[in-house]
Amino acid sequence: MQVTDESELYALVGEIMVLTARVESCLDSCMAACLTSASLELSQPVLRRLNLTSQLATLHEVAQLLYDRRDKTLVEFRRWLRRLGRIRQRRNDLVHHELRVAYSSEALGRWKSEIACMREACAQAPDWVAVLEARVAIVRT
């Protein structure tokens, strides 16, 4: 079934783009939690230049330095990072591939469930920031 109301598609794409920006902001917050407060201002130029893929890779590497590889927290954090990576990939698929073809109601429905996953991942970010800040504080002492 072809989608005839393009405003629904525009709203969906807009929401996905806004949520992608929120995912990047979540990663920024997690990265900032791993930095000393004195270096935060100095590190901003570097952090601003990291794309989502680089942020994910950096946080993965930092987490491996903060936790034992079998630590349950590390396992859950890496799971969250993988989820964010899948969100990034799905957004790229949407922007670079799927928008080139005619959309159906079924495809829009799948994207609506994707939006729900993005919201859930963003909602978890403050908890991960707190976990990372606490761990960094322990490591520093």
N, C-alpha and C. Protein backbone atom coordinates (compact mmCIF):
# COMPACT_ATOMS: atom_id res chain seq x y z
N MET A 1 0.84 -1.18 0.00
CA MET A 1 0.00 0.00 0.00
C MET A 1 0.89 1.25 0.00
N GLN A 2 0.74 2.08 -0.95
CA GLN A 2 1.52 3.31 -1.08
C GLN A 2 1.05 4.36 -0.07
N VAL A 3 1.99 5.07 0.50
CA VAL A 3 1.65 6.15 1.43
C VAL A 3 1.34 7.39 0.61
N THR A 4 0.17 7.94 0.80
CA THR A 4 -0.20 9.13 0.03
C THR A 4 0.00 10.41 0.83
N ASP A 5 0.03 10.31 2.14
CA ASP A 5 0.18 11.49 2.98
C ASP A 5 1.66 11.67 3.33
N GLU A 6 2.34 12.51 2.56
CA GLU A 6 3.77 12.71 2.78
C GLU A 6 4.05 13.43 4.09
N SER A 7 3.08 14.14 4.64
CA SER A 7 3.33 14.83 5.91
C SER A 7 3.64 13.82 7.03
N GLU A 8 3.04 12.65 6.96
CA GLU A 8 3.35 11.61 7.95
C GLU A 8 4.80 11.15 7.80
N LEU A 9 5.24 11.01 6.57
CA LEU A 9 6.63 10.63 6.32
C LEU A 9 7.58 11.73 6.81
N TYR A 10 7.27 12.98 6.52
CA TYR A 10 8.12 14.09 6.96
C TYR A 10 8.20 14.15 8.48
N ALA A 11 7.08 13.95 9.14
CA ALA A 11 7.07 13.96 10.61
C ALA A 11 7.93 12.83 11.16
N LEU A 12 7.84 11.66 10.55
CA LEU A 12 8.61 10.51 10.98
C LEU A 12 10.11 10.74 10.80
N VAL A 13 10.50 11.22 9.64
CA VAL A 13 11.91 11.49 9.36
C VAL A 13 12.43 12.57 10.31
N GLY A 14 11.63 13.61 10.53
CA GLY A 14 12.03 14.67 11.45
C GLY A 14 12.25 14.15 12.85
N GLU A 15 11.36 13.30 13.32
CA GLU A 15 11.50 12.75 14.66
C GLU A 15 12.75 11.87 14.77
N ILE A 16 13.01 11.10 13.74
CA ILE A 16 14.21 10.26 13.74
C ILE A 16 15.47 11.12 13.78
N MET A 17 15.49 12.20 13.06
CA MET A 17 16.67 13.08 13.06
C MET A 17 16.85 13.75 14.42
N VAL A 18 15.76 14.19 15.03
CA VAL A 18 15.85 14.80 16.36
C VAL A 18 16.34 13.78 17.38
N LEU A 19 15.81 12.58 17.32
CA LEU A 19 16.24 11.54 18.26
C LEU A 19 17.69 11.13 18.03
N THR A 20 18.14 11.15 16.79
CA THR A 20 19.54 10.86 16.51
C THR A 20 20.44 11.91 17.16
N ALA A 21 20.04 13.16 17.09
CA ALA A 21 20.80 14.23 17.76
C ALA A 21 20.81 14.00 19.27
N ARG A 22 19.70 13.52 19.82
CA ARG A 22 19.65 13.22 21.25
C ARG A 22 20.57 12.06 21.61
N VAL A 23 20.65 11.07 20.74
CA VAL A 23 21.57 9.95 20.97
C VAL A 23 23.00 10.49 21.03
N GLU A 24 23.35 11.36 20.10
CA GLU A 24 24.69 11.95 20.11
C GLU A 24 24.93 12.75 21.38
N SER A 25 23.93 13.47 21.84
CA SER A 25 24.05 14.22 23.08
C SER A 25 24.24 13.27 24.27
N CYS A 26 23.54 12.15 24.26
CA CYS A 26 23.71 11.15 25.32
C CYS A 26 25.15 10.65 25.35
N LEU A 27 25.70 10.39 24.18
CA LEU A 27 27.08 9.92 24.12
C LEU A 27 28.05 11.00 24.57
N ASP A 28 27.78 12.24 24.21
CA ASP A 28 28.60 13.36 24.70
C ASP A 28 28.61 13.38 26.23
N SER A 29 27.46 13.21 26.83
CA SER A 29 27.36 13.22 28.29
C SER A 29 28.14 12.07 28.91
N CYS A 30 28.06 10.91 28.30
CA CYS A 30 28.82 9.76 28.80
C CYS A 30 30.32 10.01 28.69
N MET A 31 30.73 10.58 27.57
CA MET A 31 32.16 10.86 27.40
C MET A 31 32.62 11.92 28.40
N ALA A 32 31.82 12.93 28.61
CA ALA A 32 32.17 13.98 29.56
C ALA A 32 32.30 13.40 30.97
N ALA A 33 31.49 12.40 31.29
CA ALA A 33 31.55 11.78 32.62
C ALA A 33 32.89 11.09 32.85
N CYS A 34 33.56 10.72 31.78
CA CYS A 34 34.84 10.02 31.90
C CYS A 34 36.03 10.97 31.95
N LEU A 35 35.78 12.26 31.79
CA LEU A 35 36.86 13.24 31.77
C LEU A 35 36.92 13.98 33.10
N THR A 36 38.10 14.45 33.44
CA THR A 36 38.22 15.25 34.65
C THR A 36 37.56 16.60 34.40
N SER A 37 36.99 17.17 35.44
CA SER A 37 36.28 18.44 35.26
C SER A 37 37.21 19.55 34.76
N ALA A 38 38.48 19.50 35.15
CA ALA A 38 39.41 20.53 34.69
C ALA A 38 39.66 20.43 33.18
N SER A 39 39.55 19.25 32.63
CA SER A 39 39.84 19.10 31.21
C SER A 39 38.59 19.17 30.34
N LEU A 40 37.41 19.27 30.94
CA LEU A 40 36.18 19.29 30.15
C LEU A 40 36.16 20.42 29.13
N GLU A 41 36.47 21.62 29.57
CA GLU A 41 36.45 22.76 28.65
C GLU A 41 37.49 22.58 27.56
N LEU A 42 38.65 22.08 27.92
CA LEU A 42 39.71 21.88 26.93
C LEU A 42 39.39 20.74 25.97
N SER A 43 38.59 19.79 26.40
CA SER A 43 38.29 18.64 25.55
C SER A 43 37.11 18.89 24.62
N GLN A 44 36.36 19.96 24.81
CA GLN A 44 35.18 20.22 23.98
C GLN A 44 35.49 20.29 22.48
N PRO A 45 36.59 20.94 22.06
CA PRO A 45 36.87 20.95 20.61
C PRO A 45 37.05 19.54 20.04
N VAL A 46 37.64 18.66 20.82
CA VAL A 46 37.83 17.27 20.37
C VAL A 46 36.48 16.56 20.33
N LEU A 47 35.71 16.68 21.39
CA LEU A 47 34.42 15.99 21.47
C LEU A 47 33.48 16.43 20.35
N ARG A 48 33.50 17.71 20.01
CA ARG A 48 32.61 18.22 18.96
C ARG A 48 32.93 17.63 17.59
N ARG A 49 34.16 17.21 17.40
CA ARG A 49 34.58 16.69 16.10
C ARG A 49 34.35 15.18 15.94
N LEU A 50 33.98 14.53 17.00
CA LEU A 50 33.74 13.09 16.92
C LEU A 50 32.34 12.83 16.38
N ASN A 51 32.26 11.98 15.38
CA ASN A 51 30.94 11.59 14.89
C ASN A 51 30.40 10.46 15.77
N LEU A 52 29.19 10.06 15.51
CA LEU A 52 28.55 9.06 16.36
C LEU A 52 29.34 7.76 16.39
N THR A 53 29.85 7.32 15.26
CA THR A 53 30.64 6.09 15.21
C THR A 53 31.89 6.21 16.07
N SER A 54 32.57 7.35 16.00
CA SER A 54 33.78 7.56 16.80
C SER A 54 33.44 7.63 18.29
N GLN A 55 32.32 8.25 18.61
CA GLN A 55 31.90 8.32 20.00
C GLN A 55 31.66 6.91 20.56
N LEU A 56 30.97 6.09 19.79
CA LEU A 56 30.70 4.72 20.23
C LEU A 56 32.00 3.94 20.45
N ALA A 57 32.92 4.05 19.51
CA ALA A 57 34.19 3.34 19.62
C ALA A 57 35.00 3.84 20.81
N THR A 58 35.02 5.14 21.02
CA THR A 58 35.77 5.72 22.13
C THR A 58 35.19 5.28 23.47
N LEU A 59 33.88 5.34 23.60
CA LEU A 59 33.26 4.91 24.85
C LEU A 59 33.46 3.43 25.11
N HIS A 60 33.43 2.63 24.07
CA HIS A 60 33.69 1.20 24.21
C HIS A 60 35.09 0.97 24.77
N GLU A 61 36.06 1.67 24.21
CA GLU A 61 37.45 1.53 24.65
C GLU A 61 37.64 2.04 26.07
N VAL A 62 37.06 3.18 26.40
CA VAL A 62 37.18 3.74 27.75
C VAL A 62 36.54 2.80 28.77
N ALA A 63 35.38 2.27 28.44
CA ALA A 63 34.70 1.35 29.37
C ALA A 63 35.55 0.11 29.63
N GLN A 64 36.24 -0.36 28.62
CA GLN A 64 37.10 -1.52 28.81
C GLN A 64 38.26 -1.20 29.75
N LEU A 65 38.68 0.05 29.78
CA LEU A 65 39.73 0.46 30.70
C LEU A 65 39.20 0.61 32.13
N LEU A 66 37.94 0.96 32.26
CA LEU A 66 37.35 1.21 33.58
C LEU A 66 36.88 -0.06 34.29
N TYR A 67 36.54 -1.08 33.53
CA TYR A 67 35.94 -2.28 34.11
C TYR A 67 36.67 -3.54 33.68
N ASP A 68 36.62 -4.54 34.54
CA ASP A 68 37.09 -5.86 34.20
C ASP A 68 36.21 -6.39 33.08
N ARG A 69 36.76 -7.14 32.16
CA ARG A 69 35.98 -7.55 30.98
C ARG A 69 34.79 -8.43 31.30
N ARG A 70 34.75 -9.05 32.46
CA ARG A 70 33.61 -9.88 32.84
C ARG A 70 32.61 -9.15 33.74
N ASP A 71 32.93 -7.90 34.06
CA ASP A 71 32.06 -7.13 34.93
C ASP A 71 30.68 -6.97 34.28
N LYS A 72 29.65 -7.21 35.06
CA LYS A 72 28.28 -7.13 34.55
C LYS A 72 27.97 -5.73 34.01
N THR A 73 28.50 -4.71 34.67
CA THR A 73 28.26 -3.33 34.21
C THR A 73 28.84 -3.12 32.82
N LEU A 74 30.06 -3.62 32.60
CA LEU A 74 30.67 -3.48 31.28
C LEU A 74 29.85 -4.21 30.22
N VAL A 75 29.39 -5.40 30.54
CA VAL A 75 28.58 -6.17 29.60
C VAL A 75 27.32 -5.41 29.23
N GLU A 76 26.63 -4.84 30.22
CA GLU A 76 25.40 -4.08 29.96
C GLU A 76 25.68 -2.79 29.20
N PHE A 77 26.78 -2.13 29.55
CA PHE A 77 27.13 -0.88 28.87
C PHE A 77 27.44 -1.15 27.40
N ARG A 78 28.21 -2.21 27.14
CA ARG A 78 28.52 -2.55 25.75
C ARG A 78 27.25 -2.92 24.99
N ARG A 79 26.31 -3.56 25.65
CA ARG A 79 25.03 -3.89 25.01
C ARG A 79 24.30 -2.61 24.62
N TRP A 80 24.31 -1.62 25.53
CA TRP A 80 23.68 -0.33 25.24
C TRP A 80 24.37 0.36 24.07
N LEU A 81 25.71 0.33 24.06
CA LEU A 81 26.45 0.94 22.95
C LEU A 81 26.14 0.24 21.63
N ARG A 82 26.03 -1.07 21.63
CA ARG A 82 25.67 -1.80 20.40
C ARG A 82 24.28 -1.39 19.92
N ARG A 83 23.38 -1.21 20.87
CA ARG A 83 22.03 -0.77 20.52
C ARG A 83 22.07 0.61 19.85
N LEU A 84 22.88 1.50 20.41
CA LEU A 84 23.02 2.83 19.80
C LEU A 84 23.66 2.72 18.41
N GLY A 85 24.60 1.79 18.26
CA GLY A 85 25.21 1.57 16.95
C GLY A 85 24.19 1.09 15.93
N ARG A 86 23.28 0.21 16.36
CA ARG A 86 22.23 -0.25 15.45
C ARG A 86 21.29 0.90 15.09
N ILE A 87 21.01 1.76 16.06
CA ILE A 87 20.18 2.94 15.78
C ILE A 87 20.85 3.81 14.73
N ARG A 88 22.15 4.02 14.88
CA ARG A 88 22.90 4.82 13.92
C ARG A 88 22.81 4.20 12.53
N GLN A 89 22.99 2.90 12.46
CA GLN A 89 22.94 2.21 11.18
C GLN A 89 21.55 2.31 10.55
N ARG A 90 20.52 2.14 11.35
CA ARG A 90 19.15 2.22 10.84
C ARG A 90 18.85 3.64 10.33
N ARG A 91 19.32 4.65 11.06
CA ARG A 91 19.11 6.02 10.61
C ARG A 91 19.82 6.25 9.28
N ASN A 92 21.04 5.75 9.16
CA ASN A 92 21.77 5.88 7.90
C ASN A 92 21.05 5.16 6.77
N ASP A 93 20.53 3.97 7.07
CA ASP A 93 19.76 3.24 6.05
C ASP A 93 18.56 4.07 5.59
N LEU A 94 17.88 4.68 6.55
CA LEU A 94 16.72 5.50 6.21
C LEU A 94 17.13 6.66 5.32
N VAL A 95 18.12 7.41 5.76
CA VAL A 95 18.49 8.64 5.06
C VAL A 95 19.13 8.35 3.70
N HIS A 96 19.98 7.34 3.63
CA HIS A 96 20.75 7.12 2.41
C HIS A 96 20.15 6.10 1.45
N HIS A 97 19.22 5.28 1.92
CA HIS A 97 18.71 4.23 1.04
C HIS A 97 17.18 4.19 0.96
N GLU A 98 16.55 4.05 2.10
CA GLU A 98 15.12 3.78 2.11
C GLU A 98 14.26 4.94 1.62
N LEU A 99 14.71 6.16 1.81
CA LEU A 99 13.91 7.29 1.34
C LEU A 99 13.90 7.40 -0.19
N ARG A 100 14.75 6.65 -0.84
CA ARG A 100 14.80 6.67 -2.31
C ARG A 100 13.66 5.88 -2.94
N VAL A 101 13.05 5.01 -2.16
CA VAL A 101 11.99 4.16 -2.70
C VAL A 101 10.64 4.60 -2.15
N ALA A 102 9.58 4.18 -2.82
CA ALA A 102 8.23 4.52 -2.35
C ALA A 102 7.97 3.87 -0.99
N TYR A 103 7.35 4.60 -0.12
CA TYR A 103 7.07 4.11 1.22
C TYR A 103 5.69 3.51 1.33
N SER A 104 5.60 2.47 2.16
CA SER A 104 4.32 1.83 2.42
C SER A 104 3.93 2.08 3.87
N SER A 105 2.71 1.81 4.19
CA SER A 105 2.24 1.94 5.58
C SER A 105 2.99 0.99 6.48
N GLU A 106 3.32 -0.19 5.98
CA GLU A 106 4.06 -1.17 6.77
C GLU A 106 5.45 -0.65 7.13
N ALA A 107 6.12 -0.04 6.15
CA ALA A 107 7.45 0.52 6.40
C ALA A 107 7.38 1.63 7.43
N LEU A 108 6.37 2.47 7.35
CA LEU A 108 6.22 3.54 8.34
C LEU A 108 5.97 2.95 9.72
N GLY A 109 5.22 1.88 9.79
CA GLY A 109 4.98 1.23 11.08
C GLY A 109 6.26 0.70 11.69
N ARG A 110 7.14 0.13 10.87
CA ARG A 110 8.43 -0.36 11.38
C ARG A 110 9.26 0.81 11.91
N TRP A 111 9.22 1.94 11.22
CA TRP A 111 9.98 3.09 11.68
C TRP A 111 9.41 3.66 12.98
N LYS A 112 8.12 3.57 13.16
CA LYS A 112 7.53 4.03 14.42
C LYS A 112 8.03 3.19 15.58
N SER A 113 8.20 1.88 15.38
CA SER A 113 8.75 1.05 16.45
C SER A 113 10.23 1.37 16.67
N GLU A 114 10.93 1.75 15.60
CA GLU A 114 12.33 2.16 15.72
C GLU A 114 12.44 3.42 16.58
N ILE A 115 11.51 4.34 16.40
CA ILE A 115 11.49 5.56 17.20
C ILE A 115 11.31 5.22 18.68
N ALA A 116 10.47 4.26 18.97
CA ALA A 116 10.28 3.85 20.36
C ALA A 116 11.58 3.32 20.94
N CYS A 117 12.34 2.56 20.17
CA CYS A 117 13.65 2.05 20.63
C CYS A 117 14.63 3.19 20.87
N MET A 118 14.59 4.19 19.99
CA MET A 118 15.49 5.34 20.15
C MET A 118 15.15 6.11 21.43
N ARG A 119 13.88 6.30 21.69
CA ARG A 119 13.47 7.00 22.92
C ARG A 119 13.94 6.25 24.15
N GLU A 120 13.77 4.93 24.13
CA GLU A 120 14.17 4.11 25.27
C GLU A 120 15.68 4.19 25.50
N ALA A 121 16.46 4.12 24.43
CA ALA A 121 17.92 4.21 24.55
C ALA A 121 18.33 5.57 25.11
N CYS A 122 17.69 6.63 24.66
CA CYS A 122 17.98 7.97 25.18
C CYS A 122 17.62 8.08 26.66
N ALA A 123 16.53 7.47 27.04
CA ALA A 123 16.10 7.53 28.45
C ALA A 123 17.09 6.84 29.38
N GLN A 124 17.86 5.90 28.87
CA GLN A 124 18.83 5.18 29.69
C GLN A 124 20.13 5.97 29.89
N ALA A 125 20.38 6.96 29.07
CA ALA A 125 21.64 7.69 29.09
C ALA A 125 21.97 8.31 30.45
N PRO A 126 21.06 9.01 31.12
CA PRO A 126 21.43 9.61 32.40
C PRO A 126 21.90 8.56 33.43
N ASP A 127 21.31 7.38 33.38
CA ASP A 127 21.76 6.33 34.29
C ASP A 127 23.20 5.92 33.97
N TRP A 128 23.52 5.82 32.68
CA TRP A 128 24.88 5.45 32.30
C TRP A 128 25.87 6.55 32.64
N VAL A 129 25.46 7.81 32.51
CA VAL A 129 26.34 8.91 32.91
C VAL A 129 26.68 8.78 34.39
N ALA A 130 25.67 8.53 35.22
CA ALA A 130 25.90 8.38 36.67
C ALA A 130 26.81 7.20 36.97
N VAL A 131 26.60 6.10 36.29
CA VAL A 131 27.44 4.91 36.49
C VAL A 131 28.89 5.21 36.13
N LEU A 132 29.10 5.86 34.99
CA LEU A 132 30.46 6.19 34.56
C LEU A 132 31.12 7.20 35.50
N GLU A 133 30.37 8.22 35.92
CA GLU A 133 30.94 9.20 36.85
C GLU A 133 31.37 8.52 38.14
N ALA A 134 30.55 7.63 38.66
CA ALA A 134 30.89 6.93 39.90
C ALA A 134 32.11 6.06 39.71
N ARG A 135 32.19 5.36 38.59
CA ARG A 135 33.34 4.49 38.34
C ARG A 135 34.62 5.28 38.16
N VAL A 136 34.56 6.38 37.43
CA VAL A 136 35.73 7.22 37.23
C VAL A 136 36.22 7.77 38.57
N ALA A 137 35.27 8.17 39.44
CA ALA A 137 35.65 8.67 40.77
C ALA A 137 36.40 7.60 41.57
N ILE A 138 35.95 6.37 41.46
CA ILE A 138 36.61 5.27 42.17
C ILE A 138 38.01 5.03 41.61
N VAL A 139 38.13 5.04 40.29
CA VAL A 139 39.41 4.78 39.64
C VAL A 139 40.41 5.88 39.98
N ARG A 140 39.96 7.11 40.10
CA ARG A 140 40.85 8.25 40.39
C ARG A 140 41.39 8.23 41.82
N THR A 141 40.69 7.58 42.72
CA THR A 141 41.15 7.60 44.13
C THR A 141 42.10 6.50 44.42
